[in-house]
Amino acid sequence: MIGADDELGLRLIRDQRLICEVSDPSLTQPHLRRARWADEGGRGLFLVAQLTHRWGSQYTVAGKTIWTEQLLEEVA
């Protein structure tokens, strides 16, 4: 569980795609699940999976990073 004093990181990279990385000190492996209608949590990663081209996670020396990749359309 992430506490109020834990440091979180956010990095955005944009070229032909948008990459979003969120880092935290937790070593808990993220897992995709479907929340029931009355559940108050458990929808975040499901929404990420539905709205992005691909996503994944990797462990770092400081915890873990969850990343997403969204393809961008060219503007004429």
N, C-alpha and C. Protein backbone atom coordinates (compact mmCIF):
# COMPACT_ATOMS: atom_id res chain seq x y z
N MET A 1 0.83 -1.17 0.00
CA MET A 1 0.00 0.00 0.00
C MET A 1 0.88 1.24 0.00
N ILE A 2 0.48 2.25 -0.75
CA ILE A 2 1.21 3.50 -0.84
C ILE A 2 0.73 4.43 0.27
N GLY A 3 1.66 5.02 0.98
CA GLY A 3 1.31 5.93 2.06
C GLY A 3 1.48 7.38 1.65
N ALA A 4 1.03 8.29 2.50
CA ALA A 4 1.07 9.72 2.20
C ALA A 4 2.50 10.23 2.05
N ASP A 5 3.46 9.60 2.69
CA ASP A 5 4.85 10.06 2.62
C ASP A 5 5.64 9.40 1.51
N ASP A 6 5.06 8.46 0.79
CA ASP A 6 5.76 7.78 -0.30
C ASP A 6 5.87 8.71 -1.50
N GLU A 7 7.01 8.60 -2.17
CA GLU A 7 7.25 9.43 -3.34
C GLU A 7 6.75 8.71 -4.59
N LEU A 8 6.00 9.43 -5.41
CA LEU A 8 5.51 8.91 -6.68
C LEU A 8 6.18 9.67 -7.81
N GLY A 9 6.34 9.03 -8.95
CA GLY A 9 6.93 9.69 -10.11
C GLY A 9 6.02 9.58 -11.31
N LEU A 10 6.05 10.60 -12.17
CA LEU A 10 5.28 10.61 -13.41
C LEU A 10 6.18 11.13 -14.51
N ARG A 11 6.22 10.41 -15.64
CA ARG A 11 6.99 10.85 -16.79
C ARG A 11 6.15 10.65 -18.03
N LEU A 12 6.10 11.68 -18.89
CA LEU A 12 5.39 11.62 -20.16
C LEU A 12 6.39 11.82 -21.28
N ILE A 13 6.31 10.98 -22.31
CA ILE A 13 7.17 11.08 -23.48
C ILE A 13 6.26 11.11 -24.70
N ARG A 14 6.47 12.09 -25.58
CA ARG A 14 5.59 12.22 -26.75
C ARG A 14 6.42 12.32 -28.02
N ASP A 15 6.15 11.45 -28.98
CA ASP A 15 6.65 11.55 -30.35
C ASP A 15 5.51 11.07 -31.25
N GLN A 16 5.63 9.95 -31.93
CA GLN A 16 4.50 9.41 -32.69
C GLN A 16 3.52 8.69 -31.77
N ARG A 17 3.88 8.59 -30.52
CA ARG A 17 3.04 7.94 -29.51
C ARG A 17 3.23 8.68 -28.19
N LEU A 18 2.33 8.45 -27.28
CA LEU A 18 2.43 9.02 -25.95
C LEU A 18 2.72 7.90 -24.97
N ILE A 19 3.80 8.02 -24.26
CA ILE A 19 4.15 7.04 -23.24
C ILE A 19 4.01 7.71 -21.88
N CYS A 20 3.29 7.08 -21.00
CA CYS A 20 3.08 7.58 -19.65
C CYS A 20 3.64 6.55 -18.68
N GLU A 21 4.51 7.00 -17.79
CA GLU A 21 5.10 6.11 -16.79
C GLU A 21 4.76 6.64 -15.39
N VAL A 22 4.28 5.77 -14.55
CA VAL A 22 4.00 6.11 -13.15
C VAL A 22 4.82 5.17 -12.29
N SER A 23 5.63 5.75 -11.42
CA SER A 23 6.52 4.96 -10.56
C SER A 23 6.15 5.14 -9.10
N ASP A 24 6.30 4.07 -8.34
CA ASP A 24 6.06 4.13 -6.90
C ASP A 24 6.98 3.13 -6.20
N PRO A 25 7.11 3.23 -4.88
CA PRO A 25 8.04 2.35 -4.16
C PRO A 25 7.50 0.94 -3.89
N SER A 26 6.27 0.67 -4.27
CA SER A 26 5.66 -0.63 -4.00
C SER A 26 6.28 -1.72 -4.87
N LEU A 27 6.44 -2.91 -4.30
CA LEU A 27 6.90 -4.07 -5.06
C LEU A 27 5.76 -5.01 -5.41
N THR A 28 4.53 -4.59 -5.16
CA THR A 28 3.36 -5.39 -5.47
C THR A 28 3.15 -5.44 -6.98
N GLN A 29 3.04 -6.63 -7.52
CA GLN A 29 2.81 -6.80 -8.96
C GLN A 29 1.40 -6.36 -9.32
N PRO A 30 1.25 -5.45 -10.29
CA PRO A 30 -0.10 -5.07 -10.71
C PRO A 30 -0.77 -6.22 -11.44
N HIS A 31 -2.06 -6.35 -11.29
CA HIS A 31 -2.79 -7.39 -12.02
C HIS A 31 -4.13 -6.83 -12.49
N LEU A 32 -4.47 -7.23 -13.68
CA LEU A 32 -5.71 -6.80 -14.31
C LEU A 32 -6.87 -7.62 -13.76
N ARG A 33 -7.91 -6.94 -13.33
CA ARG A 33 -9.10 -7.64 -12.84
C ARG A 33 -10.33 -6.85 -13.23
N ARG A 34 -11.45 -7.49 -13.17
CA ARG A 34 -12.72 -6.83 -13.45
C ARG A 34 -13.44 -6.62 -12.13
N ALA A 35 -13.65 -5.37 -11.79
CA ALA A 35 -14.33 -5.05 -10.54
C ALA A 35 -15.82 -5.34 -10.69
N ARG A 36 -16.41 -5.76 -9.59
CA ARG A 36 -17.86 -5.93 -9.58
C ARG A 36 -18.52 -4.56 -9.51
N TRP A 37 -19.80 -4.51 -9.83
CA TRP A 37 -20.53 -3.25 -9.92
C TRP A 37 -20.39 -2.42 -8.64
N ALA A 38 -20.50 -3.02 -7.48
CA ALA A 38 -20.51 -2.29 -6.21
C ALA A 38 -19.10 -2.06 -5.63
N ASP A 39 -18.06 -2.60 -6.25
CA ASP A 39 -16.70 -2.41 -5.74
C ASP A 39 -16.30 -0.95 -5.82
N GLU A 40 -15.59 -0.47 -4.80
CA GLU A 40 -15.13 0.91 -4.80
C GLU A 40 -13.78 1.08 -5.48
N GLY A 41 -13.09 0.02 -5.75
CA GLY A 41 -11.79 0.09 -6.40
C GLY A 41 -11.63 -1.04 -7.39
N GLY A 42 -10.44 -1.10 -8.01
CA GLY A 42 -10.14 -2.20 -8.90
C GLY A 42 -10.43 -1.94 -10.37
N ARG A 43 -10.68 -0.69 -10.74
CA ARG A 43 -10.99 -0.38 -12.13
C ARG A 43 -9.85 0.30 -12.88
N GLY A 44 -8.86 0.79 -12.17
CA GLY A 44 -7.81 1.60 -12.79
C GLY A 44 -7.06 0.89 -13.90
N LEU A 45 -6.49 -0.25 -13.62
CA LEU A 45 -5.71 -0.96 -14.62
C LEU A 45 -6.60 -1.50 -15.74
N PHE A 46 -7.84 -1.85 -15.44
CA PHE A 46 -8.78 -2.27 -16.47
C PHE A 46 -9.02 -1.13 -17.46
N LEU A 47 -9.22 0.09 -16.94
CA LEU A 47 -9.42 1.25 -17.81
C LEU A 47 -8.17 1.53 -18.64
N VAL A 48 -7.01 1.44 -18.03
CA VAL A 48 -5.76 1.63 -18.75
C VAL A 48 -5.66 0.64 -19.91
N ALA A 49 -5.96 -0.62 -19.66
CA ALA A 49 -5.88 -1.65 -20.70
C ALA A 49 -6.87 -1.39 -21.84
N GLN A 50 -8.03 -0.84 -21.53
CA GLN A 50 -9.04 -0.58 -22.55
C GLN A 50 -8.73 0.66 -23.38
N LEU A 51 -8.04 1.64 -22.80
CA LEU A 51 -7.86 2.93 -23.45
C LEU A 51 -6.49 3.12 -24.09
N THR A 52 -5.57 2.19 -23.90
CA THR A 52 -4.23 2.35 -24.46
C THR A 52 -3.92 1.24 -25.46
N HIS A 53 -2.90 1.50 -26.26
CA HIS A 53 -2.45 0.52 -27.26
C HIS A 53 -1.83 -0.69 -26.56
N ARG A 54 -0.99 -0.42 -25.56
CA ARG A 54 -0.40 -1.49 -24.76
C ARG A 54 0.09 -0.91 -23.44
N TRP A 55 0.35 -1.80 -22.49
CA TRP A 55 0.83 -1.37 -21.17
C TRP A 55 1.66 -2.49 -20.56
N GLY A 56 2.40 -2.15 -19.54
CA GLY A 56 3.20 -3.15 -18.85
C GLY A 56 3.79 -2.58 -17.57
N SER A 57 4.61 -3.37 -16.93
CA SER A 57 5.26 -2.91 -15.70
C SER A 57 6.66 -3.46 -15.64
N GLN A 58 7.50 -2.78 -14.90
CA GLN A 58 8.86 -3.25 -14.69
C GLN A 58 9.31 -2.83 -13.30
N TYR A 59 10.13 -3.67 -12.70
CA TYR A 59 10.67 -3.36 -11.38
C TYR A 59 11.93 -2.52 -11.52
N THR A 60 12.13 -1.62 -10.58
CA THR A 60 13.32 -0.78 -10.54
C THR A 60 13.97 -0.94 -9.16
N VAL A 61 15.11 -0.32 -8.96
CA VAL A 61 15.76 -0.39 -7.65
C VAL A 61 14.94 0.35 -6.59
N ALA A 62 14.06 1.25 -7.03
CA ALA A 62 13.26 2.04 -6.09
C ALA A 62 11.82 1.56 -5.98
N GLY A 63 11.44 0.47 -6.66
CA GLY A 63 10.05 -0.01 -6.61
C GLY A 63 9.62 -0.56 -7.95
N LYS A 64 8.58 0.04 -8.53
CA LYS A 64 8.11 -0.42 -9.84
C LYS A 64 7.62 0.76 -10.66
N THR A 65 7.56 0.56 -11.96
CA THR A 65 7.02 1.53 -12.90
C THR A 65 5.99 0.84 -13.76
N ILE A 66 4.82 1.43 -13.85
CA ILE A 66 3.78 0.96 -14.78
C ILE A 66 3.77 1.94 -15.94
N TRP A 67 3.83 1.42 -17.17
CA TRP A 67 3.88 2.29 -18.34
C TRP A 67 2.72 1.97 -19.28
N THR A 68 2.33 2.98 -20.03
CA THR A 68 1.31 2.81 -21.06
C THR A 68 1.81 3.44 -22.35
N GLU A 69 1.30 2.95 -23.46
CA GLU A 69 1.64 3.51 -24.76
C GLU A 69 0.35 3.76 -25.53
N GLN A 70 0.20 4.98 -26.00
CA GLN A 70 -0.98 5.36 -26.78
C GLN A 70 -0.50 5.89 -28.12
N LEU A 71 -0.97 5.30 -29.21
CA LEU A 71 -0.61 5.79 -30.54
C LEU A 71 -1.31 7.12 -30.79
N LEU A 72 -0.59 8.06 -31.42
CA LEU A 72 -1.14 9.38 -31.71
C LEU A 72 -1.39 9.50 -33.20
N GLU A 73 -2.49 10.13 -33.54
CA GLU A 73 -2.80 10.37 -34.95
C GLU A 73 -2.07 11.63 -35.41
N GLU A 74 -1.63 11.60 -36.66
CA GLU A 74 -0.98 12.79 -37.22
C GLU A 74 -2.03 13.85 -37.51
N VAL A 75 -1.68 15.09 -37.19
CA VAL A 75 -2.57 16.22 -37.47
C VAL A 75 -2.14 16.83 -38.79
N ALA A 76 -3.10 16.98 -39.71
CA ALA A 76 -2.77 17.51 -41.04
C ALA A 76 -2.59 19.01 -41.01
